[in-house]
Amino acid sequence: MRILLLNHNTAFGGGTFYRAFHAGRYLARRGHDVTLVTTAPHARWGVRHEAQDGVLIVETPDVLWGVGRTGWDLYNTLVRVALLRREQPDIIHAWDCRPVVIFPALALRWNRSGRSARLVIDWADW
């Protein structure tokens, strides 16, 4: 199964990133194809891909700084939508509902084959 995890936190910066990453590691060990899209800690341009423990981690750029790098950046949102437009996941897990997570999740809900992916939304702070 192809599973896409969308997160707003910065990569390896704490918070929900680690919840999503460790869930992804477990799913990858069970044989699933797991991609985790998260915010780059410092990059303002370019996308970085890294595989770790069976999870493909995709870091997307954010032009904001400090507390602004918490899922509100329009540029990051647009990069994610453009980057993921060809993906065809079976399950999309949104680890919050901030713009960088919910807009790409909703855009991917219906893939190119007309088949709908299952969307799971986790409200991380409840």
N, C-alpha and C. Protein backbone atom coordinates (compact mmCIF):
# COMPACT_ATOMS: atom_id res chain seq x y z
N MET A 1 0.84 -1.17 0.00
CA MET A 1 0.00 0.00 0.00
C MET A 1 0.89 1.24 0.00
N ARG A 2 0.52 2.25 -0.75
CA ARG A 2 1.25 3.52 -0.79
C ARG A 2 0.61 4.49 0.21
N ILE A 3 1.41 4.90 1.17
CA ILE A 3 0.91 5.76 2.25
C ILE A 3 1.67 7.08 2.23
N LEU A 4 0.93 8.17 2.22
CA LEU A 4 1.51 9.51 2.25
C LEU A 4 1.19 10.15 3.59
N LEU A 5 2.23 10.57 4.30
CA LEU A 5 2.07 11.25 5.59
C LEU A 5 2.43 12.72 5.37
N LEU A 6 1.53 13.61 5.71
CA LEU A 6 1.76 15.05 5.57
C LEU A 6 1.86 15.69 6.95
N ASN A 7 2.93 16.43 7.17
CA ASN A 7 3.20 17.02 8.48
C ASN A 7 3.63 18.48 8.30
N HIS A 8 3.31 19.32 9.28
CA HIS A 8 3.67 20.73 9.19
C HIS A 8 4.96 21.08 9.93
N ASN A 9 5.38 20.26 10.87
CA ASN A 9 6.59 20.56 11.66
C ASN A 9 7.85 20.47 10.81
N THR A 10 8.94 21.03 11.32
CA THR A 10 10.21 20.91 10.62
C THR A 10 10.79 19.52 10.84
N ALA A 11 11.52 19.04 9.85
CA ALA A 11 12.11 17.71 9.90
C ALA A 11 13.05 17.58 11.09
N PHE A 12 12.88 16.54 11.86
CA PHE A 12 13.70 16.21 13.02
C PHE A 12 13.77 17.35 14.04
N GLY A 13 12.72 18.18 14.06
CA GLY A 13 12.67 19.33 14.97
C GLY A 13 11.74 19.12 16.15
N GLY A 14 11.20 17.93 16.28
CA GLY A 14 10.31 17.65 17.39
C GLY A 14 8.86 17.67 16.99
N GLY A 15 8.01 17.67 17.99
CA GLY A 15 6.57 17.75 17.75
C GLY A 15 6.02 16.56 16.99
N THR A 16 5.05 16.84 16.17
CA THR A 16 4.33 15.81 15.44
C THR A 16 5.20 15.15 14.39
N PHE A 17 6.30 15.78 14.00
CA PHE A 17 7.19 15.12 13.03
C PHE A 17 7.56 13.74 13.53
N TYR A 18 7.93 13.62 14.79
CA TYR A 18 8.36 12.33 15.31
C TYR A 18 7.21 11.34 15.40
N ARG A 19 6.02 11.79 15.69
CA ARG A 19 4.86 10.89 15.67
C ARG A 19 4.66 10.32 14.27
N ALA A 20 4.71 11.20 13.27
CA ALA A 20 4.52 10.76 11.89
C ALA A 20 5.67 9.86 11.43
N PHE A 21 6.89 10.24 11.76
CA PHE A 21 8.06 9.47 11.32
C PHE A 21 8.05 8.06 11.92
N HIS A 22 7.79 7.95 13.23
CA HIS A 22 7.81 6.63 13.86
C HIS A 22 6.64 5.76 13.39
N ALA A 23 5.49 6.36 13.14
CA ALA A 23 4.37 5.61 12.55
C ALA A 23 4.77 5.11 11.16
N GLY A 24 5.42 5.99 10.39
CA GLY A 24 5.88 5.62 9.05
C GLY A 24 6.91 4.50 9.07
N ARG A 25 7.83 4.54 10.03
CA ARG A 25 8.83 3.48 10.17
C ARG A 25 8.16 2.13 10.41
N TYR A 26 7.18 2.13 11.28
CA TYR A 26 6.45 0.89 11.57
C TYR A 26 5.73 0.38 10.32
N LEU A 27 5.06 1.29 9.61
CA LEU A 27 4.34 0.90 8.40
C LEU A 27 5.29 0.38 7.32
N ALA A 28 6.47 1.01 7.21
CA ALA A 28 7.47 0.55 6.23
C ALA A 28 7.97 -0.85 6.59
N ARG A 29 8.17 -1.12 7.86
CA ARG A 29 8.58 -2.45 8.28
C ARG A 29 7.53 -3.50 7.95
N ARG A 30 6.27 -3.09 7.89
CA ARG A 30 5.17 -4.00 7.55
C ARG A 30 5.02 -4.16 6.03
N GLY A 31 5.91 -3.50 5.25
CA GLY A 31 5.93 -3.69 3.82
C GLY A 31 5.25 -2.61 2.99
N HIS A 32 4.83 -1.53 3.63
CA HIS A 32 4.17 -0.45 2.90
C HIS A 32 5.19 0.54 2.34
N ASP A 33 4.82 1.22 1.28
CA ASP A 33 5.62 2.27 0.66
C ASP A 33 5.20 3.59 1.31
N VAL A 34 6.08 4.15 2.15
CA VAL A 34 5.73 5.31 2.97
C VAL A 34 6.55 6.53 2.58
N THR A 35 5.84 7.65 2.37
CA THR A 35 6.47 8.94 2.10
C THR A 35 5.97 9.92 3.15
N LEU A 36 6.90 10.62 3.79
CA LEU A 36 6.57 11.64 4.79
C LEU A 36 7.00 13.00 4.24
N VAL A 37 6.05 13.90 4.05
CA VAL A 37 6.35 15.25 3.57
C VAL A 37 6.29 16.18 4.77
N THR A 38 7.38 16.90 4.99
CA THR A 38 7.52 17.77 6.14
C THR A 38 8.22 19.06 5.74
N THR A 39 8.30 20.02 6.64
CA THR A 39 8.94 21.31 6.34
C THR A 39 10.44 21.23 6.60
N ALA A 40 11.22 21.77 5.68
CA ALA A 40 12.68 21.83 5.85
C ALA A 40 13.01 22.76 7.01
N PRO A 41 13.98 22.39 7.85
CA PRO A 41 14.30 23.23 9.01
C PRO A 41 14.80 24.63 8.64
N HIS A 42 15.55 24.76 7.53
CA HIS A 42 16.14 26.07 7.20
C HIS A 42 15.97 26.48 5.75
N ALA A 43 15.77 25.53 4.85
CA ALA A 43 15.75 25.82 3.41
C ALA A 43 14.57 26.72 3.02
N ARG A 44 14.87 27.68 2.18
CA ARG A 44 13.83 28.56 1.65
C ARG A 44 13.54 28.26 0.18
N TRP A 45 14.40 27.47 -0.46
CA TRP A 45 14.23 27.08 -1.86
C TRP A 45 14.67 25.64 -2.01
N GLY A 46 14.10 24.95 -2.94
CA GLY A 46 14.50 23.58 -3.24
C GLY A 46 13.85 22.55 -2.32
N VAL A 47 13.76 21.34 -2.84
CA VAL A 47 13.17 20.22 -2.11
C VAL A 47 14.25 19.19 -1.86
N ARG A 48 14.27 18.64 -0.66
CA ARG A 48 15.29 17.65 -0.29
C ARG A 48 14.59 16.31 -0.04
N HIS A 49 15.16 15.23 -0.59
CA HIS A 49 14.65 13.86 -0.39
C HIS A 49 15.69 13.07 0.38
N GLU A 50 15.23 12.30 1.36
CA GLU A 50 16.13 11.46 2.15
C GLU A 50 15.36 10.21 2.58
N ALA A 51 15.99 9.05 2.44
CA ALA A 51 15.37 7.81 2.91
C ALA A 51 15.99 7.44 4.25
N GLN A 52 15.13 7.15 5.21
CA GLN A 52 15.62 6.76 6.52
C GLN A 52 14.66 5.73 7.12
N ASP A 53 15.18 4.59 7.51
CA ASP A 53 14.40 3.51 8.13
C ASP A 53 13.20 3.11 7.28
N GLY A 54 13.36 3.11 5.96
CA GLY A 54 12.30 2.70 5.06
C GLY A 54 11.29 3.78 4.71
N VAL A 55 11.48 4.98 5.25
CA VAL A 55 10.56 6.09 5.00
C VAL A 55 11.26 7.10 4.09
N LEU A 56 10.60 7.49 3.01
CA LEU A 56 11.13 8.56 2.17
C LEU A 56 10.68 9.88 2.80
N ILE A 57 11.63 10.67 3.27
CA ILE A 57 11.34 11.96 3.90
C ILE A 57 11.57 13.04 2.86
N VAL A 58 10.54 13.82 2.58
CA VAL A 58 10.61 14.90 1.62
C VAL A 58 10.47 16.21 2.40
N GLU A 59 11.53 17.02 2.35
CA GLU A 59 11.53 18.31 3.05
C GLU A 59 11.21 19.41 2.05
N THR A 60 10.14 20.14 2.30
CA THR A 60 9.74 21.23 1.40
C THR A 60 10.15 22.57 2.00
N PRO A 61 10.49 23.54 1.16
CA PRO A 61 10.97 24.84 1.63
C PRO A 61 9.86 25.71 2.20
N ASP A 62 10.26 26.61 3.04
CA ASP A 62 9.34 27.53 3.70
C ASP A 62 10.02 28.89 3.72
N VAL A 63 9.40 29.93 3.20
CA VAL A 63 10.06 31.24 3.16
C VAL A 63 9.94 32.00 4.49
N LEU A 64 9.07 31.54 5.36
CA LEU A 64 8.94 32.19 6.66
C LEU A 64 10.08 31.76 7.59
N TRP A 65 10.19 32.37 8.74
CA TRP A 65 11.24 32.04 9.69
C TRP A 65 10.63 31.92 11.08
N GLY A 66 11.41 31.35 11.99
CA GLY A 66 10.98 31.22 13.38
C GLY A 66 9.66 30.50 13.51
N VAL A 67 8.78 31.09 14.31
CA VAL A 67 7.47 30.49 14.57
C VAL A 67 6.60 30.45 13.31
N GLY A 68 6.96 31.22 12.32
CA GLY A 68 6.23 31.20 11.05
C GLY A 68 6.39 29.90 10.28
N ARG A 69 7.42 29.11 10.62
CA ARG A 69 7.68 27.83 9.95
C ARG A 69 6.85 26.72 10.59
N THR A 70 5.60 26.99 10.83
CA THR A 70 4.76 26.00 11.50
C THR A 70 3.50 25.68 10.70
N GLY A 71 3.60 25.71 9.39
CA GLY A 71 2.50 25.23 8.58
C GLY A 71 1.62 26.28 7.94
N TRP A 72 2.03 27.54 7.96
CA TRP A 72 1.18 28.62 7.45
C TRP A 72 1.67 29.23 6.14
N ASP A 73 2.78 28.77 5.61
CA ASP A 73 3.43 29.39 4.47
C ASP A 73 2.75 29.01 3.14
N LEU A 74 2.31 30.01 2.39
CA LEU A 74 1.65 29.77 1.11
C LEU A 74 2.60 29.15 0.09
N TYR A 75 3.85 29.60 0.07
CA TYR A 75 4.83 29.05 -0.88
C TYR A 75 5.04 27.56 -0.62
N ASN A 76 5.21 27.17 0.62
CA ASN A 76 5.38 25.77 0.99
C ASN A 76 4.16 24.95 0.53
N THR A 77 2.97 25.50 0.74
CA THR A 77 1.74 24.83 0.34
C THR A 77 1.72 24.59 -1.17
N LEU A 78 2.05 25.62 -1.95
CA LEU A 78 2.05 25.49 -3.41
C LEU A 78 3.11 24.51 -3.90
N VAL A 79 4.28 24.53 -3.27
CA VAL A 79 5.34 23.57 -3.64
C VAL A 79 4.85 22.15 -3.40
N ARG A 80 4.21 21.91 -2.28
CA ARG A 80 3.72 20.57 -1.97
C ARG A 80 2.65 20.11 -2.96
N VAL A 81 1.72 20.99 -3.28
CA VAL A 81 0.67 20.62 -4.24
C VAL A 81 1.29 20.28 -5.59
N ALA A 82 2.23 21.10 -6.05
CA ALA A 82 2.89 20.85 -7.34
C ALA A 82 3.73 19.58 -7.30
N LEU A 83 4.45 19.38 -6.22
CA LEU A 83 5.33 18.22 -6.08
C LEU A 83 4.55 16.91 -6.03
N LEU A 84 3.40 16.94 -5.39
CA LEU A 84 2.65 15.70 -5.15
C LEU A 84 1.55 15.43 -6.18
N ARG A 85 1.39 16.32 -7.15
CA ARG A 85 0.24 16.20 -8.06
C ARG A 85 0.21 14.89 -8.84
N ARG A 86 1.35 14.25 -9.03
CA ARG A 86 1.39 12.99 -9.77
C ARG A 86 1.35 11.76 -8.86
N GLU A 87 1.41 11.97 -7.58
CA GLU A 87 1.38 10.85 -6.64
C GLU A 87 0.01 10.19 -6.66
N GLN A 88 -0.02 8.91 -6.39
CA GLN A 88 -1.27 8.16 -6.32
C GLN A 88 -1.28 7.30 -5.06
N PRO A 89 -1.35 7.95 -3.90
CA PRO A 89 -1.34 7.17 -2.66
C PRO A 89 -2.67 6.45 -2.45
N ASP A 90 -2.61 5.37 -1.69
CA ASP A 90 -3.83 4.67 -1.30
C ASP A 90 -4.43 5.32 -0.05
N ILE A 91 -3.53 5.79 0.82
CA ILE A 91 -3.95 6.45 2.06
C ILE A 91 -3.17 7.74 2.22
N ILE A 92 -3.85 8.81 2.58
CA ILE A 92 -3.22 10.09 2.91
C ILE A 92 -3.52 10.35 4.38
N HIS A 93 -2.46 10.51 5.18
CA HIS A 93 -2.64 10.82 6.59
C HIS A 93 -2.17 12.25 6.82
N ALA A 94 -3.11 13.14 7.12
CA ALA A 94 -2.82 14.54 7.42
C ALA A 94 -2.65 14.65 8.93
N TRP A 95 -1.46 15.01 9.37
CA TRP A 95 -1.16 15.08 10.80
C TRP A 95 -1.51 16.44 11.39
N ASP A 96 -2.42 17.14 10.82
CA ASP A 96 -2.93 18.42 11.31
C ASP A 96 -3.77 19.00 10.18
N CYS A 97 -4.27 20.18 10.36
CA CYS A 97 -5.08 20.81 9.30
C CYS A 97 -4.58 22.19 8.93
N ARG A 98 -3.31 22.45 9.14
CA ARG A 98 -2.75 23.73 8.71
C ARG A 98 -2.64 23.73 7.19
N PRO A 99 -2.55 24.90 6.57
CA PRO A 99 -2.58 24.97 5.10
C PRO A 99 -1.58 24.07 4.39
N VAL A 100 -0.33 23.94 4.90
CA VAL A 100 0.66 23.10 4.20
C VAL A 100 0.31 21.62 4.25
N VAL A 101 -0.64 21.26 5.09
CA VAL A 101 -1.06 19.86 5.19
C VAL A 101 -2.41 19.64 4.51
N ILE A 102 -3.39 20.43 4.84
CA ILE A 102 -4.75 20.14 4.39
C ILE A 102 -4.96 20.41 2.89
N PHE A 103 -4.38 21.48 2.36
CA PHE A 103 -4.57 21.75 0.93
C PHE A 103 -3.96 20.68 0.03
N PRO A 104 -2.71 20.24 0.28
CA PRO A 104 -2.19 19.13 -0.53
C PRO A 104 -2.99 17.84 -0.33
N ALA A 105 -3.45 17.59 0.88
CA ALA A 105 -4.23 16.38 1.15
C ALA A 105 -5.53 16.40 0.35
N LEU A 106 -6.21 17.52 0.36
CA LEU A 106 -7.47 17.62 -0.38
C LEU A 106 -7.24 17.58 -1.89
N ALA A 107 -6.13 18.18 -2.34
CA ALA A 107 -5.82 18.16 -3.78
C ALA A 107 -5.52 16.74 -4.26
N LEU A 108 -4.94 15.93 -3.40
CA LEU A 108 -4.58 14.55 -3.77
C LEU A 108 -5.69 13.55 -3.52
N ARG A 109 -6.72 13.97 -2.87
CA ARG A 109 -7.80 13.04 -2.49
C ARG A 109 -8.29 12.23 -3.69
N TRP A 110 -8.43 12.87 -4.84
CA TRP A 110 -8.81 12.17 -6.07
C TRP A 110 -7.60 12.10 -6.97
N ASN A 111 -7.12 10.90 -7.24
CA ASN A 111 -5.91 10.80 -8.06
C ASN A 111 -6.25 10.77 -9.55
N ARG A 112 -5.22 10.68 -10.36
CA ARG A 112 -5.37 10.78 -11.81
C ARG A 112 -6.22 9.67 -12.41
N SER A 113 -6.29 8.53 -11.77
CA SER A 113 -7.08 7.43 -12.31
C SER A 113 -8.56 7.57 -11.93
N GLY A 114 -8.90 8.62 -11.18
CA GLY A 114 -10.28 8.83 -10.77
C GLY A 114 -10.64 8.08 -9.50
N ARG A 115 -9.68 7.32 -8.98
CA ARG A 115 -9.87 6.57 -7.75
C ARG A 115 -9.60 7.47 -6.56
N SER A 116 -10.39 7.35 -5.55
CA SER A 116 -10.18 8.22 -4.39
C SER A 116 -9.27 7.55 -3.36
N ALA A 117 -8.35 8.33 -2.84
CA ALA A 117 -7.49 7.85 -1.76
C ALA A 117 -8.22 8.08 -0.44
N ARG A 118 -7.99 7.22 0.51
CA ARG A 118 -8.56 7.39 1.85
C ARG A 118 -7.80 8.52 2.54
N LEU A 119 -8.54 9.43 3.14
CA LEU A 119 -7.94 10.56 3.85
C LEU A 119 -8.21 10.40 5.33
N VAL A 120 -7.13 10.36 6.10
CA VAL A 120 -7.20 10.29 7.56
C VAL A 120 -6.65 11.60 8.09
N ILE A 121 -7.41 12.26 8.95
CA ILE A 121 -6.96 13.54 9.52
C ILE A 121 -6.79 13.38 11.02
N ASP A 122 -5.61 13.75 11.50
CA ASP A 122 -5.27 13.64 12.91
C ASP A 122 -5.07 15.05 13.45
N TRP A 123 -5.87 15.42 14.40
CA TRP A 123 -5.70 16.73 15.01
C TRP A 123 -4.68 16.56 16.14
N ALA A 124 -3.44 16.94 15.89
CA ALA A 124 -2.31 16.58 16.72
C ALA A 124 -2.34 17.13 18.14
N ASP A 125 -2.98 18.25 18.37
CA ASP A 125 -2.90 18.83 19.72
C ASP A 125 -4.11 18.50 20.59
N TRP A 126 -4.94 17.56 20.14
CA TRP A 126 -6.08 17.17 20.98
C TRP A 126 -5.83 15.84 21.59
